[in-house]
N, C-alpha and C. Protein backbone atom coordinates (compact mmCIF):
# COMPACT_ATOMS: atom_id res chain seq x y z
N MET A 1 113.75 69.61 158.35
CA MET A 1 113.47 70.49 157.26
C MET A 1 114.46 71.66 157.31
N LEU A 2 114.94 72.05 156.15
CA LEU A 2 115.86 73.17 156.02
C LEU A 2 115.31 74.08 154.94
N ILE A 3 115.28 75.37 155.23
CA ILE A 3 114.80 76.34 154.25
C ILE A 3 115.97 77.23 153.87
N LEU A 4 116.25 77.29 152.57
CA LEU A 4 117.31 78.16 152.05
C LEU A 4 116.65 79.36 151.37
N ILE A 5 117.08 80.53 151.75
CA ILE A 5 116.57 81.74 151.14
C ILE A 5 117.78 82.56 150.72
N GLY A 6 117.74 83.05 149.50
CA GLY A 6 118.88 83.83 149.06
C GLY A 6 118.61 84.62 147.80
N GLN A 7 119.61 85.34 147.41
CA GLN A 7 119.58 86.13 146.18
C GLN A 7 119.66 85.17 144.99
N PRO A 8 119.40 85.69 143.78
CA PRO A 8 119.45 84.82 142.59
C PRO A 8 120.77 84.08 142.40
N ASP A 9 121.86 84.64 142.91
CA ASP A 9 123.15 83.96 142.74
C ASP A 9 123.24 82.68 143.57
N LEU A 10 122.36 82.49 144.56
CA LEU A 10 122.35 81.24 145.32
C LEU A 10 122.02 80.07 144.40
N ARG A 11 121.08 80.29 143.50
CA ARG A 11 120.70 79.25 142.53
C ARG A 11 121.92 78.85 141.69
N GLU A 12 122.70 79.85 141.29
CA GLU A 12 123.90 79.56 140.49
C GLU A 12 124.95 78.82 141.31
N LYS A 13 125.10 79.17 142.56
CA LYS A 13 126.07 78.50 143.43
C LYS A 13 125.69 77.03 143.64
N LEU A 14 124.38 76.77 143.76
CA LEU A 14 123.93 75.40 143.96
C LEU A 14 124.15 74.52 142.74
N LYS A 15 124.31 75.14 141.59
CA LYS A 15 124.56 74.38 140.37
C LYS A 15 126.01 73.89 140.27
N ARG A 16 126.88 74.39 141.10
CA ARG A 16 128.28 73.97 141.07
C ARG A 16 128.39 72.50 141.48
N ARG A 17 129.35 71.85 140.90
CA ARG A 17 129.53 70.41 141.13
C ARG A 17 129.69 70.07 142.61
N MET A 18 130.39 70.90 143.33
CA MET A 18 130.63 70.61 144.75
C MET A 18 129.35 70.67 145.59
N HIS A 19 128.31 71.37 145.09
CA HIS A 19 127.04 71.47 145.82
C HIS A 19 125.96 70.56 145.23
N GLU A 20 126.31 69.72 144.30
CA GLU A 20 125.33 68.86 143.64
C GLU A 20 124.52 68.00 144.61
N PRO A 21 125.15 67.37 145.63
CA PRO A 21 124.34 66.57 146.56
C PRO A 21 123.25 67.39 147.27
N LEU A 22 123.59 68.59 147.67
CA LEU A 22 122.59 69.45 148.31
C LEU A 22 121.53 69.87 147.30
N ASN A 23 121.95 70.24 146.12
CA ASN A 23 121.02 70.67 145.07
C ASN A 23 120.01 69.57 144.75
N GLN A 24 120.43 68.33 144.75
CA GLN A 24 119.53 67.21 144.45
C GLN A 24 118.48 67.00 145.53
N ARG A 25 118.75 67.46 146.73
CA ARG A 25 117.84 67.24 147.85
C ARG A 25 116.80 68.35 148.00
N ILE A 26 116.91 69.38 147.21
CA ILE A 26 115.93 70.47 147.28
C ILE A 26 114.66 70.02 146.56
N THR A 27 113.57 69.97 147.30
CA THR A 27 112.33 69.43 146.73
C THR A 27 111.39 70.52 146.22
N LEU A 28 111.50 71.71 146.73
CA LEU A 28 110.61 72.79 146.32
C LEU A 28 111.42 74.05 146.10
N ARG A 29 111.19 74.71 144.99
CA ARG A 29 111.89 75.95 144.67
C ARG A 29 110.87 77.00 144.29
N TYR A 30 111.16 78.21 144.70
CA TYR A 30 110.27 79.31 144.35
C TYR A 30 111.12 80.53 144.05
N HIS A 31 110.85 81.16 142.95
CA HIS A 31 111.53 82.40 142.58
C HIS A 31 110.51 83.52 142.66
N MET A 32 110.81 84.49 143.48
CA MET A 32 109.90 85.63 143.64
C MET A 32 110.21 86.65 142.55
N ALA A 33 109.24 86.86 141.69
CA ALA A 33 109.42 87.82 140.60
C ALA A 33 109.32 89.24 141.15
N GLY A 34 109.86 90.16 140.40
CA GLY A 34 109.79 91.56 140.80
C GLY A 34 108.38 92.11 140.63
N ILE A 35 108.23 93.34 140.99
CA ILE A 35 106.95 94.04 140.86
C ILE A 35 106.75 94.40 139.40
N THR A 36 105.63 93.98 138.83
CA THR A 36 105.45 94.14 137.39
C THR A 36 104.40 95.17 137.00
N SER A 37 103.56 95.59 137.91
CA SER A 37 102.52 96.55 137.53
C SER A 37 102.66 97.83 138.36
N ASP A 38 102.18 98.93 137.79
CA ASP A 38 102.23 100.20 138.50
C ASP A 38 101.35 100.15 139.75
N GLU A 39 100.24 99.43 139.68
CA GLU A 39 99.36 99.31 140.84
C GLU A 39 100.05 98.57 141.98
N GLU A 40 100.77 97.51 141.63
CA GLU A 40 101.50 96.75 142.64
C GLU A 40 102.61 97.61 143.26
N ALA A 41 103.29 98.40 142.44
CA ALA A 41 104.33 99.31 142.94
C ALA A 41 103.73 100.33 143.90
N ARG A 42 102.58 100.87 143.51
CA ARG A 42 101.88 101.85 144.35
C ARG A 42 101.53 101.22 145.69
N ASP A 43 100.94 100.04 145.66
CA ASP A 43 100.56 99.35 146.90
C ASP A 43 101.78 99.07 147.78
N TYR A 44 102.88 98.66 147.15
CA TYR A 44 104.11 98.35 147.88
C TYR A 44 104.63 99.58 148.63
N ILE A 45 104.74 100.69 147.91
CA ILE A 45 105.27 101.92 148.51
C ILE A 45 104.32 102.44 149.59
N LEU A 46 103.03 102.49 149.28
CA LEU A 46 102.06 103.00 150.25
C LEU A 46 102.00 102.13 151.52
N HIS A 47 102.17 100.82 151.35
CA HIS A 47 102.18 99.92 152.50
C HIS A 47 103.36 100.25 153.42
N HIS A 48 104.53 100.46 152.83
CA HIS A 48 105.71 100.76 153.65
C HIS A 48 105.60 102.13 154.31
N LEU A 49 105.01 103.08 153.61
CA LEU A 49 104.80 104.40 154.23
C LEU A 49 103.82 104.29 155.40
N LYS A 50 102.79 103.47 155.23
CA LYS A 50 101.81 103.27 156.31
C LYS A 50 102.48 102.60 157.51
N LEU A 51 103.35 101.61 157.26
CA LEU A 51 104.07 100.97 158.36
C LEU A 51 104.94 101.96 159.12
N ALA A 52 105.45 102.97 158.38
CA ALA A 52 106.29 103.99 159.00
C ALA A 52 105.46 105.07 159.70
N GLY A 53 104.13 104.98 159.57
CA GLY A 53 103.26 105.92 160.26
C GLY A 53 102.74 107.05 159.40
N ARG A 54 102.99 107.01 158.11
CA ARG A 54 102.54 108.07 157.20
C ARG A 54 101.15 107.74 156.69
N GLN A 55 100.19 108.60 156.96
CA GLN A 55 98.82 108.37 156.52
C GLN A 55 98.49 109.19 155.27
N GLU A 56 99.05 110.41 155.18
CA GLU A 56 98.75 111.29 154.05
C GLU A 56 99.61 110.90 152.84
N ALA A 57 99.15 111.32 151.68
CA ALA A 57 99.91 111.05 150.45
C ALA A 57 101.25 111.78 150.51
N LEU A 58 102.30 111.12 150.11
CA LEU A 58 103.63 111.73 150.09
C LEU A 58 104.15 111.78 148.66
N PHE A 59 103.93 110.70 147.91
CA PHE A 59 104.37 110.63 146.51
C PHE A 59 103.23 111.03 145.60
N GLU A 60 103.53 111.87 144.61
CA GLU A 60 102.54 112.17 143.59
C GLU A 60 102.29 110.90 142.78
N GLU A 61 101.11 110.78 142.20
CA GLU A 61 100.73 109.56 141.47
C GLU A 61 101.72 109.21 140.36
N GLN A 62 102.26 110.20 139.67
CA GLN A 62 103.20 109.94 138.57
C GLN A 62 104.55 109.43 139.09
N ALA A 63 104.85 109.68 140.35
CA ALA A 63 106.14 109.26 140.92
C ALA A 63 106.19 107.76 141.17
N LEU A 64 105.05 107.15 141.45
CA LEU A 64 105.03 105.73 141.80
C LEU A 64 105.41 104.82 140.64
N PRO A 65 104.87 105.03 139.42
CA PRO A 65 105.34 104.22 138.30
C PRO A 65 106.83 104.46 137.97
N MET A 66 107.28 105.69 138.24
CA MET A 66 108.69 106.01 138.00
C MET A 66 109.59 105.23 138.96
N LEU A 67 109.14 105.06 140.19
CA LEU A 67 109.89 104.24 141.15
C LEU A 67 110.03 102.81 140.65
N ARG A 68 108.93 102.26 140.11
CA ARG A 68 108.97 100.89 139.59
C ARG A 68 109.90 100.80 138.39
N GLN A 69 109.78 101.75 137.49
CA GLN A 69 110.58 101.72 136.27
C GLN A 69 112.08 101.85 136.59
N LEU A 70 112.44 102.85 137.37
CA LEU A 70 113.86 103.07 137.67
C LEU A 70 114.41 102.03 138.64
N GLY A 71 113.53 101.47 139.46
CA GLY A 71 113.94 100.41 140.39
C GLY A 71 113.88 99.03 139.77
N GLN A 72 113.55 98.97 138.48
CA GLN A 72 113.50 97.73 137.70
C GLN A 72 112.55 96.70 138.33
N GLY A 73 111.56 97.19 139.07
CA GLY A 73 110.58 96.29 139.68
C GLY A 73 111.12 95.51 140.87
N LEU A 74 112.34 95.79 141.29
CA LEU A 74 112.95 95.09 142.42
C LEU A 74 112.64 95.84 143.71
N PRO A 75 111.95 95.18 144.64
CA PRO A 75 111.52 95.87 145.86
C PRO A 75 112.65 96.61 146.59
N ARG A 76 113.80 96.00 146.72
CA ARG A 76 114.89 96.65 147.45
C ARG A 76 115.35 97.92 146.72
N LYS A 77 115.48 97.82 145.39
CA LYS A 77 115.89 99.00 144.63
C LYS A 77 114.83 100.09 144.70
N MET A 78 113.57 99.69 144.62
CA MET A 78 112.49 100.67 144.71
C MET A 78 112.50 101.35 146.08
N GLY A 79 112.71 100.59 147.12
CA GLY A 79 112.77 101.15 148.47
C GLY A 79 113.93 102.11 148.64
N ASN A 80 115.09 101.73 148.12
CA ASN A 80 116.27 102.61 148.21
C ASN A 80 116.04 103.89 147.43
N LEU A 81 115.43 103.77 146.26
CA LEU A 81 115.14 104.94 145.45
C LEU A 81 114.10 105.84 146.12
N ALA A 82 113.09 105.23 146.71
CA ALA A 82 112.08 106.01 147.43
C ALA A 82 112.71 106.77 148.59
N LEU A 83 113.61 106.11 149.31
CA LEU A 83 114.30 106.76 150.42
C LEU A 83 115.16 107.92 149.92
N ALA A 84 115.87 107.71 148.82
CA ALA A 84 116.70 108.77 148.25
C ALA A 84 115.84 109.95 147.79
N ALA A 85 114.69 109.65 147.20
CA ALA A 85 113.79 110.71 146.74
C ALA A 85 113.21 111.47 147.93
N MET A 86 112.87 110.77 149.00
CA MET A 86 112.34 111.44 150.19
C MET A 86 113.42 112.31 150.84
N THR A 87 114.65 111.82 150.87
CA THR A 87 115.75 112.60 151.43
C THR A 87 115.98 113.86 150.61
N LEU A 88 115.99 113.72 149.29
CA LEU A 88 116.15 114.87 148.41
C LEU A 88 114.98 115.83 148.58
N GLY A 89 113.78 115.29 148.67
CA GLY A 89 112.60 116.13 148.88
C GLY A 89 112.66 116.88 150.19
N MET A 90 113.19 116.25 151.22
CA MET A 90 113.34 116.91 152.52
C MET A 90 114.34 118.06 152.40
N ALA A 91 115.46 117.80 151.72
CA ALA A 91 116.49 118.83 151.55
C ALA A 91 115.95 120.03 150.76
N LYS A 92 115.07 119.76 149.81
CA LYS A 92 114.49 120.82 148.99
C LYS A 92 113.19 121.38 149.58
N LYS A 93 112.81 120.86 150.75
CA LYS A 93 111.59 121.28 151.46
C LYS A 93 110.34 121.13 150.59
N CYS A 94 110.25 120.00 149.90
CA CYS A 94 109.09 119.70 149.05
C CYS A 94 107.95 119.17 149.90
N GLN A 95 106.75 119.49 149.50
CA GLN A 95 105.57 118.98 150.19
C GLN A 95 105.20 117.57 149.71
N ALA A 96 105.56 117.27 148.46
CA ALA A 96 105.28 115.96 147.87
C ALA A 96 106.45 115.57 146.97
N ILE A 97 106.60 114.27 146.77
CA ILE A 97 107.68 113.74 145.93
C ILE A 97 107.14 113.55 144.52
N SER A 98 107.71 114.27 143.57
CA SER A 98 107.27 114.20 142.18
C SER A 98 108.10 113.17 141.40
N ALA A 99 107.65 112.86 140.20
CA ALA A 99 108.39 111.95 139.33
C ALA A 99 109.75 112.54 138.99
N ASP A 100 109.81 113.86 138.78
CA ASP A 100 111.09 114.51 138.48
C ASP A 100 112.07 114.36 139.63
N LEU A 101 111.56 114.45 140.84
CA LEU A 101 112.42 114.29 142.02
C LEU A 101 112.94 112.86 142.12
N VAL A 102 112.11 111.89 141.77
CA VAL A 102 112.53 110.48 141.76
C VAL A 102 113.66 110.29 140.74
N VAL A 103 113.51 110.89 139.57
CA VAL A 103 114.55 110.78 138.53
C VAL A 103 115.84 111.41 139.03
N LYS A 104 115.75 112.58 139.63
CA LYS A 104 116.95 113.25 140.16
C LYS A 104 117.60 112.41 141.25
N ALA A 105 116.79 111.80 142.10
CA ALA A 105 117.32 110.96 143.17
C ALA A 105 118.01 109.72 142.63
N SER A 106 117.55 109.24 141.48
CA SER A 106 118.15 108.03 140.91
C SER A 106 119.58 108.28 140.44
N ASP A 107 119.92 109.52 140.15
CA ASP A 107 121.28 109.84 139.73
C ASP A 107 122.28 109.59 140.83
N GLY A 108 121.84 109.75 142.08
CA GLY A 108 122.74 109.58 143.21
C GLY A 108 122.86 108.15 143.70
N ILE A 109 122.09 107.25 143.13
CA ILE A 109 122.12 105.85 143.60
C ILE A 109 123.02 105.02 142.71
């Protein structure tokens, strides 16, 4: 058994004629969709903060949907944006990360 995991461009590469024999042998395919709801975005961010040891609220409630929107629902983009917002918040000595701070942080990404 062989498991291939990759970015969306892997699917495009497998469609090339030179990879046709391998493409024909793939029996199961799964595409992981991005985060589509604000609740899912909230859970995603809070889970990662908890893994990092943060128990108290860090992001204001309005900031979490903004992370999803500006991160286009893509977990990696949302994580990078959250990190940029936290870094900016640290530099500004903010107690919490607001939606405005998330927007400002997105300019630097």
